[in-house]
Amino acid sequence: MSKVLRHNKLNQLEAAKKIAEEGFDRTVLSFYKYVRIKDPERIRNLLFEEWERLKVLGRVYVAKEGINAQVSVPDFNLAAFKTLVNEVPCFKVLDFKEAIEKNNYSFFKLTIKVKDQIVADGLKPSDYDVTSPGKHVNAKEWNELMDQGAIVVDMRNHYESEVGHFNGAILPDSVTFKEELPLVKKILLGKENEKVLLYCTGGIRCEKASAYLKNEGFNGVHQLSGGIVRYAKQVKESGLENKFKGKNFVFDNRLGERVSNDIISNCHQCGQKSDNHTNCANLNCNLLFIQCKNCKKKTKNCCSPTCLETTLLGEEEQKIIRAKIEKKPIFNNHRKVDLSLNFKK
């Protein structure tokens, strides 16, 4: 197998047009596995070649510690895709999770990247044993443990929990998983022998977090099997009480899928009820924030008058500005940005 990396070179507009002309439905799948991979680059090239043939789109990370994937698969290729993935020796017996909602535009191209870790944690290998995570529990068991008064901790970033979370959960004010781990440990100090329930989007972060907390002396660590995605499906199919309120934030073009009809957050610009995340239309900013439909229309999807002015410039002028700006994260700590003041005039 050649070591030359393959890429899907379509831009977003071209890709969106191609998807619109497909004439078939897609299903979004997420899966991960912690497993030793000797040559991640070889696996990456193998997967790209085979998955592109099946018209798979998505974002995938491969590292020496395993794989983390969110993909959009044509419904007619779904069974073939799962079989193909399971035929890779190191990926046998994967737990595939289907998205709560159908959406053909979750991803516009297939991107598979080789990373140092599939989830950056800032830890040393001696800090945890990922093969010894907390006890996995399903939706029914999770609800029962919540009713018994177990401590619930959201292992996602604050911009995720802001639009949706479990009732009474601890919501760490963190921007990255790396930042969150020591913060959660500090919050839970003195509760080493109590039952602790961890949850995240699909389970991958809880796998590391629960193993880390066990290594730090916490004896009653549990994690929601399959994360919020699996929980939402199980409560619906089994007629269980849905203890999750709001939206489940997702890292694709949807930016969220509804789990309950509750809207628990507010527009960052006008304060009205809203749980719609958006990225500022100014590519030089790209701030992720919550914006209601009225503000989106009024501000042309921008977070500030300055950004609105920038979007009105020519593309070449915008590129010059972009080149002078130090690269910053797409996901900013909104709580440190008072967007409500920006459009008061």
Protein backbone atom coordinates (compact mmCIF):
# COMPACT_ATOMS: atom_id res chain seq x y z
CA MET A 1 0.00 0.00 0.00
CA SER A 2 1.38 3.40 -0.98
CA LYS A 3 2.20 5.84 1.78
CA VAL A 4 0.97 8.77 -0.33
CA LEU A 5 -1.98 10.42 1.47
CA ARG A 6 -5.21 10.67 -0.48
CA HIS A 7 -7.58 13.60 -0.15
CA ASN A 8 -11.03 14.66 -1.27
CA LYS A 9 -10.30 18.02 -2.94
CA LEU A 10 -13.87 19.25 -3.50
CA ASN A 11 -14.70 22.57 -1.84
CA GLN A 12 -17.85 22.81 0.29
CA LEU A 13 -20.07 24.33 -2.41
CA GLU A 14 -19.06 21.69 -4.95
CA ALA A 15 -19.53 18.94 -2.37
CA ALA A 16 -22.98 20.21 -1.30
CA LYS A 17 -24.12 20.31 -4.93
CA LYS A 18 -22.91 16.75 -5.43
CA ILE A 19 -24.80 15.55 -2.33
CA ALA A 20 -27.99 17.32 -3.49
CA GLU A 21 -27.81 15.36 -6.74
CA GLU A 22 -27.24 11.97 -5.10
CA GLY A 23 -30.88 10.94 -4.86
CA PHE A 24 -30.44 8.65 -1.83
CA ASP A 25 -30.50 8.94 1.95
CA ARG A 26 -27.53 8.70 4.30
CA THR A 27 -27.06 7.54 7.89
CA VAL A 28 -24.54 9.12 10.26
CA LEU A 29 -22.53 6.55 12.22
CA SER A 30 -20.05 7.13 15.02
CA PHE A 31 -17.65 4.58 16.46
CA TYR A 32 -14.33 4.35 18.24
CA LYS A 33 -11.93 1.76 19.52
CA TYR A 34 -8.85 1.95 21.69
CA VAL A 35 -6.46 -0.52 20.13
CA ARG A 36 -2.74 -0.59 19.35
CA ILE A 37 -2.07 0.36 15.71
CA LYS A 38 1.54 -0.08 14.59
CA ASP A 39 1.28 1.89 11.35
CA PRO A 40 -1.59 4.45 11.52
CA GLU A 41 -0.65 5.99 8.17
CA ARG A 42 -1.01 2.67 6.34
CA ILE A 43 -4.40 2.09 7.99
CA ARG A 44 -5.42 5.62 7.10
CA ASN A 45 -4.67 5.13 3.40
CA LEU A 46 -6.38 1.73 3.35
CA LEU A 47 -9.55 3.13 4.93
CA PHE A 48 -9.67 6.17 2.65
CA GLU A 49 -9.41 4.08 -0.51
CA GLU A 50 -12.07 1.56 0.56
CA TRP A 51 -14.49 4.02 2.13
CA GLU A 52 -14.35 6.48 -0.77
CA ARG A 53 -15.43 3.64 -3.04
CA LEU A 54 -18.57 3.25 -0.86
CA LYS A 55 -19.28 7.01 -1.10
CA VAL A 56 -18.57 7.50 2.61
CA LEU A 57 -18.15 11.05 3.94
CA GLY A 58 -16.99 12.09 7.39
CA ARG A 59 -14.23 12.99 9.80
CA VAL A 60 -11.93 10.26 11.13
CA TYR A 61 -8.86 10.25 13.38
CA VAL A 62 -6.41 7.36 13.44
CA ALA A 63 -3.57 7.10 15.98
CA LYS A 64 -1.35 4.50 17.56
CA GLU A 65 -3.95 4.29 20.35
CA GLY A 66 -6.93 3.56 18.05
CA ILE A 67 -9.62 5.10 15.86
CA ASN A 68 -12.33 7.74 16.35
CA ALA A 69 -14.83 8.12 13.50
CA GLN A 70 -17.97 10.03 12.59
CA VAL A 71 -19.12 9.15 9.09
CA SER A 72 -22.06 9.60 6.73
CA VAL A 73 -22.84 6.40 4.81
CA PRO A 74 -25.36 5.86 1.97
CA ASP A 75 -28.15 3.69 3.35
CA PHE A 76 -27.70 1.13 0.58
CA ASN A 77 -24.01 0.73 1.56
CA LEU A 78 -24.56 0.61 5.32
CA ALA A 79 -24.30 -3.16 5.74
CA ALA A 80 -21.34 -3.38 3.35
CA PHE A 81 -19.55 -0.59 5.22
CA LYS A 82 -19.93 -2.25 8.62
CA THR A 83 -18.71 -5.56 7.20
CA LEU A 84 -15.73 -3.87 5.54
CA VAL A 85 -14.68 -2.11 8.76
CA ASN A 86 -14.99 -5.28 10.83
CA GLU A 87 -12.76 -7.11 8.34
CA VAL A 88 -9.82 -4.92 9.41
CA PRO A 89 -8.19 -7.15 12.06
CA CYS A 90 -7.66 -4.39 14.64
CA PHE A 91 -11.24 -3.08 14.29
CA LYS A 92 -13.22 -6.27 14.89
CA VAL A 93 -16.35 -6.09 17.08
CA LEU A 94 -16.90 -2.34 16.82
CA ASP A 95 -19.87 -0.65 18.47
CA PHE A 96 -21.59 1.38 15.74
CA LYS A 97 -23.92 4.15 16.93
CA GLU A 98 -26.49 5.68 14.56
CA ALA A 99 -27.31 9.39 14.83
CA ILE A 100 -30.58 10.43 16.43
CA GLU A 101 -31.64 12.42 13.38
CA LYS A 102 -31.29 11.88 9.62
CA ASN A 103 -29.30 14.51 7.72
CA ASN A 104 -27.55 14.11 4.38
CA TYR A 105 -25.44 17.24 4.92
CA SER A 106 -23.66 16.31 8.15
CA PHE A 107 -20.38 16.01 6.25
CA PHE A 108 -19.33 17.29 2.84
CA LYS A 109 -16.22 15.20 2.25
CA LEU A 110 -14.19 12.32 3.66
CA THR A 111 -11.29 13.40 5.86
CA ILE A 112 -9.08 10.83 7.60
CA LYS A 113 -6.19 12.22 9.62
CA VAL A 114 -3.32 10.58 11.47
CA LYS A 115 -3.08 12.04 14.99
CA ASP A 116 -0.89 11.56 18.05
CA GLN A 117 -4.05 10.61 20.01
CA ILE A 118 -7.67 10.06 19.01
CA VAL A 119 -8.63 12.11 22.10
CA ALA A 120 -6.02 14.59 23.35
CA ASP A 121 -5.83 14.26 27.15
CA GLY A 122 -2.48 15.69 28.26
CA LEU A 123 -1.84 12.60 30.37
CA LYS A 124 1.14 10.28 30.69
CA PRO A 125 0.66 6.55 29.95
CA SER A 126 1.11 5.87 33.66
CA ASP A 127 -1.85 8.12 34.54
CA TYR A 128 -4.46 5.60 33.42
CA ASP A 129 -5.07 2.19 31.87
CA VAL A 130 -7.61 2.66 29.09
CA THR A 131 -8.27 -1.10 29.08
CA SER A 132 -9.70 -0.72 32.61
CA PRO A 133 -12.54 1.82 32.28
CA GLY A 134 -15.55 2.30 34.54
CA LYS A 135 -18.60 0.03 34.45
CA HIS A 136 -20.72 0.51 31.32
CA VAL A 137 -24.45 0.99 31.99
CA ASN A 138 -27.42 1.23 29.62
CA ALA A 139 -30.22 3.81 29.71
CA LYS A 140 -32.39 1.85 32.18
CA GLU A 141 -29.50 1.30 34.59
CA TRP A 142 -28.43 4.91 34.19
CA ASN A 143 -31.88 6.22 35.13
CA GLU A 144 -32.03 3.91 38.15
CA LEU A 145 -28.62 5.09 39.39
CA MET A 146 -29.67 8.72 38.92
CA ASP A 147 -32.83 8.05 40.95
CA GLN A 148 -30.63 6.58 43.70
CA GLY A 149 -28.73 9.86 43.96
CA ALA A 150 -25.51 8.99 42.10
CA ILE A 151 -23.23 11.90 41.14
CA VAL A 152 -23.58 12.75 37.43
CA VAL A 153 -20.71 14.44 35.60
CA ASP A 154 -20.80 15.82 32.05
CA MET A 155 -17.45 14.99 30.41
CA ARG A 156 -18.00 17.39 27.52
CA ASN A 157 -16.95 21.00 27.03
CA HIS A 158 -19.11 23.85 28.34
CA TYR A 159 -20.39 24.88 24.90
CA GLU A 160 -21.78 21.35 24.52
CA SER A 161 -23.48 21.12 27.91
CA GLU A 162 -24.87 24.66 27.55
CA VAL A 163 -27.51 23.48 25.05
CA GLY A 164 -28.24 20.09 26.61
CA HIS A 165 -27.43 18.01 29.69
CA PHE A 166 -28.81 15.56 32.24
CA ASN A 167 -30.84 16.93 35.13
CA GLY A 168 -28.63 17.84 38.08
CA ALA A 169 -25.37 17.00 36.31
CA ILE A 170 -22.08 18.65 37.24
CA LEU A 171 -21.14 20.82 34.24
CA PRO A 172 -17.40 21.64 34.32
CA ASP A 173 -16.54 25.04 32.88
CA SER A 174 -13.91 23.71 30.48
CA VAL A 175 -13.02 24.35 26.85
CA THR A 176 -11.03 21.15 26.20
CA PHE A 177 -11.04 17.57 27.45
CA LYS A 178 -7.40 18.02 28.48
CA GLU A 179 -8.45 20.90 30.72
CA GLU A 180 -11.49 19.04 32.05
CA LEU A 181 -9.84 15.90 33.49
CA PRO A 182 -7.95 17.55 36.38
CA LEU A 183 -10.93 19.87 36.97
CA VAL A 184 -13.31 16.91 37.41
CA LYS A 185 -10.85 15.18 39.72
CA LYS A 186 -10.73 18.32 41.88
CA ILE A 187 -14.54 18.62 41.92
CA LEU A 188 -14.91 14.99 43.03
CA LEU A 189 -12.27 15.02 45.77
CA GLY A 190 -13.67 13.41 48.93
CA LYS A 191 -16.21 11.37 46.94
CA GLU A 192 -13.88 8.46 46.09
CA ASN A 193 -16.30 5.84 47.43
CA GLU A 194 -19.52 7.28 46.00
CA LYS A 195 -21.19 6.23 42.75
CA VAL A 196 -20.11 8.53 39.92
CA LEU A 197 -21.81 8.54 36.51
CA LEU A 198 -19.88 9.93 33.54
CA TYR A 199 -21.38 10.74 30.15
CA CYS A 200 -20.34 12.29 26.85
CA THR A 201 -21.55 12.30 23.24
CA GLY A 202 -20.70 8.75 22.17
CA GLY A 203 -18.58 7.31 24.98
CA ILE A 204 -15.02 7.87 23.76
CA ARG A 205 -14.10 10.58 26.26
CA CYS A 206 -15.69 8.70 29.17
CA GLU A 207 -13.59 5.66 28.34
CA LYS A 208 -10.45 7.62 29.19
CA ALA A 209 -12.00 9.70 31.96
CA SER A 210 -13.35 6.70 33.84
CA ALA A 211 -10.03 4.85 33.55
CA TYR A 212 -8.23 7.98 34.79
CA LEU A 213 -10.54 8.43 37.80
CA LYS A 214 -10.22 4.74 38.71
CA ASN A 215 -6.46 5.15 38.66
CA GLU A 216 -6.87 8.17 40.96
CA GLY A 217 -8.70 6.08 43.56
CA PHE A 218 -12.38 6.53 42.65
CA ASN A 219 -14.07 3.17 43.21
CA GLY A 220 -17.64 3.65 41.97
CA VAL A 221 -17.11 5.00 38.47
CA HIS A 222 -19.78 4.19 35.85
CA GLN A 223 -20.12 5.45 32.28
CA LEU A 224 -23.10 5.75 29.95
CA SER A 225 -22.62 3.07 27.31
CA GLY A 226 -22.75 4.61 23.83
CA GLY A 227 -23.13 8.08 25.31
CA ILE A 228 -26.05 10.44 24.75
CA VAL A 229 -26.55 9.10 21.21
CA ARG A 230 -27.28 5.57 22.43
CA TYR A 231 -29.25 6.80 25.47
CA ALA A 232 -31.66 8.85 23.32
CA LYS A 233 -32.46 5.83 21.18
CA GLN A 234 -32.87 3.46 24.13
CA VAL A 235 -35.27 5.68 26.08
CA LYS A 236 -37.39 6.19 22.98
CA GLU A 237 -37.48 2.51 22.03
CA SER A 238 -38.10 1.30 25.61
CA GLY A 239 -40.51 4.02 26.73
CA LEU A 240 -38.19 5.11 29.53
CA GLU A 241 -38.15 8.56 31.13
CA ASN A 242 -35.83 10.87 29.22
CA LYS A 243 -33.67 12.58 31.83
CA PHE A 244 -31.63 14.46 29.22
CA LYS A 245 -32.91 17.96 28.47
CA GLY A 246 -32.22 19.88 25.28
CA LYS A 247 -29.87 19.20 22.39
CA ASN A 248 -26.91 16.89 21.97
CA PHE A 249 -24.06 18.93 20.48
CA VAL A 250 -22.34 17.12 17.59
CA PHE A 251 -19.07 17.90 15.80
CA ASP A 252 -20.37 18.05 12.25
CA ASN A 253 -22.30 20.53 10.15
CA ARG A 254 -25.51 19.92 12.11
CA LEU A 255 -23.90 21.21 15.35
CA GLY A 256 -26.67 19.50 17.30
CA GLU A 257 -29.46 16.94 17.32
CA ARG A 258 -32.56 17.28 19.45
CA VAL A 259 -33.02 14.84 22.35
CA SER A 260 -35.91 16.64 24.05
CA ASN A 261 -38.09 19.64 23.16
CA ASP A 262 -36.66 21.69 26.04
CA ILE A 263 -34.65 24.77 25.07
CA ILE A 264 -32.39 25.40 28.05
CA SER A 265 -30.04 28.06 26.63
CA ASN A 266 -30.28 31.60 25.28
CA CYS A 267 -29.12 33.54 22.25
CA HIS A 268 -25.76 35.10 23.09
CA GLN A 269 -26.79 38.34 21.36
CA CYS A 270 -30.36 39.13 22.41
CA GLY A 271 -30.95 36.73 25.30
CA GLN A 272 -34.02 35.07 23.81
CA LYS A 273 -34.49 31.31 24.17
CA SER A 274 -32.35 29.52 21.57
CA ASP A 275 -30.08 26.50 21.30
CA ASN A 276 -28.85 26.93 17.73
CA HIS A 277 -25.07 27.03 17.52
CA THR A 278 -23.48 28.82 14.57
CA ASN A 279 -20.03 29.88 13.44
CA CYS A 280 -19.49 33.58 12.73
CA ALA A 281 -19.70 34.19 8.97
CA ASN A 282 -16.41 36.09 9.12
CA LEU A 283 -13.86 33.35 8.40
CA ASN A 284 -11.22 35.47 10.15
CA CYS A 285 -13.23 35.04 13.37
CA ASN A 286 -15.21 31.79 13.04
CA LEU A 287 -16.45 32.12 16.65
CA LEU A 288 -18.87 29.38 17.68
CA PHE A 289 -21.81 30.88 19.56
CA ILE A 290 -25.56 30.53 20.09
CA GLN A 291 -27.64 32.72 17.79
CA CYS A 292 -31.42 32.87 17.34
CA LYS A 293 -33.04 33.14 13.90
CA ASN A 294 -33.85 36.84 14.32
CA CYS A 295 -30.27 37.77 15.23
CA LYS A 296 -28.93 35.53 12.47
CA LYS A 297 -30.99 37.47 9.93
CA LYS A 298 -30.21 40.89 11.44
CA THR A 299 -26.45 40.34 11.71
CA LYS A 300 -26.05 38.20 8.58
CA ASN A 301 -24.72 35.36 10.75
CA CYS A 302 -21.98 37.52 12.32
CA CYS A 303 -21.05 37.92 15.97
CA SER A 304 -20.16 41.64 15.84
CA PRO A 305 -20.37 44.78 13.67
CA THR A 306 -16.65 44.45 12.96
CA CYS A 307 -17.13 40.95 11.58
CA LEU A 308 -20.12 42.07 9.53
CA GLU A 309 -17.99 44.83 7.97
CA THR A 310 -15.25 42.32 7.20
CA THR A 311 -17.65 40.00 5.35
CA LEU A 312 -18.56 42.89 3.05
CA LEU A 313 -14.95 43.24 1.89
CA GLY A 314 -13.64 41.49 -1.21
CA GLU A 315 -12.22 37.99 -0.88
CA GLU A 316 -8.64 39.17 -1.48
CA GLU A 317 -8.93 41.81 1.25
CA GLN A 318 -10.30 39.19 3.65
CA LYS A 319 -7.39 36.88 2.84
CA ILE A 320 -4.89 39.66 3.65
CA ILE A 321 -6.58 40.22 7.03
CA ARG A 322 -6.67 36.48 7.68
CA ALA A 323 -2.94 36.15 7.04
CA LYS A 324 -2.20 38.73 9.74
CA ILE A 325 -4.35 37.12 12.41
CA GLU A 326 -2.85 34.56 14.76
CA LYS A 327 -4.66 31.25 14.37
CA LYS A 328 -7.09 30.58 17.21
CA PRO A 329 -9.46 27.73 18.15
CA ILE A 330 -12.78 27.44 16.36
CA PHE A 331 -14.48 26.84 19.70
CA ASN A 332 -13.99 29.81 22.00
CA ASN A 333 -15.03 30.24 25.62
CA HIS A 334 -18.27 32.15 24.97
CA ARG A 335 -18.65 32.99 28.65
CA LYS A 336 -15.71 35.35 28.31
CA VAL A 337 -17.29 37.12 25.32
CA ASP A 338 -20.30 39.40 25.90
CA LEU A 339 -21.89 39.27 22.47
CA SER A 340 -25.08 40.94 23.72
CA LEU A 341 -23.34 44.35 23.59
CA ASN A 342 -22.03 44.06 20.06
CA PHE A 343 -25.13 45.08 18.13
CA LYS A 344 -26.79 47.47 20.60
CA LYS A 345 -26.52 50.32 18.09
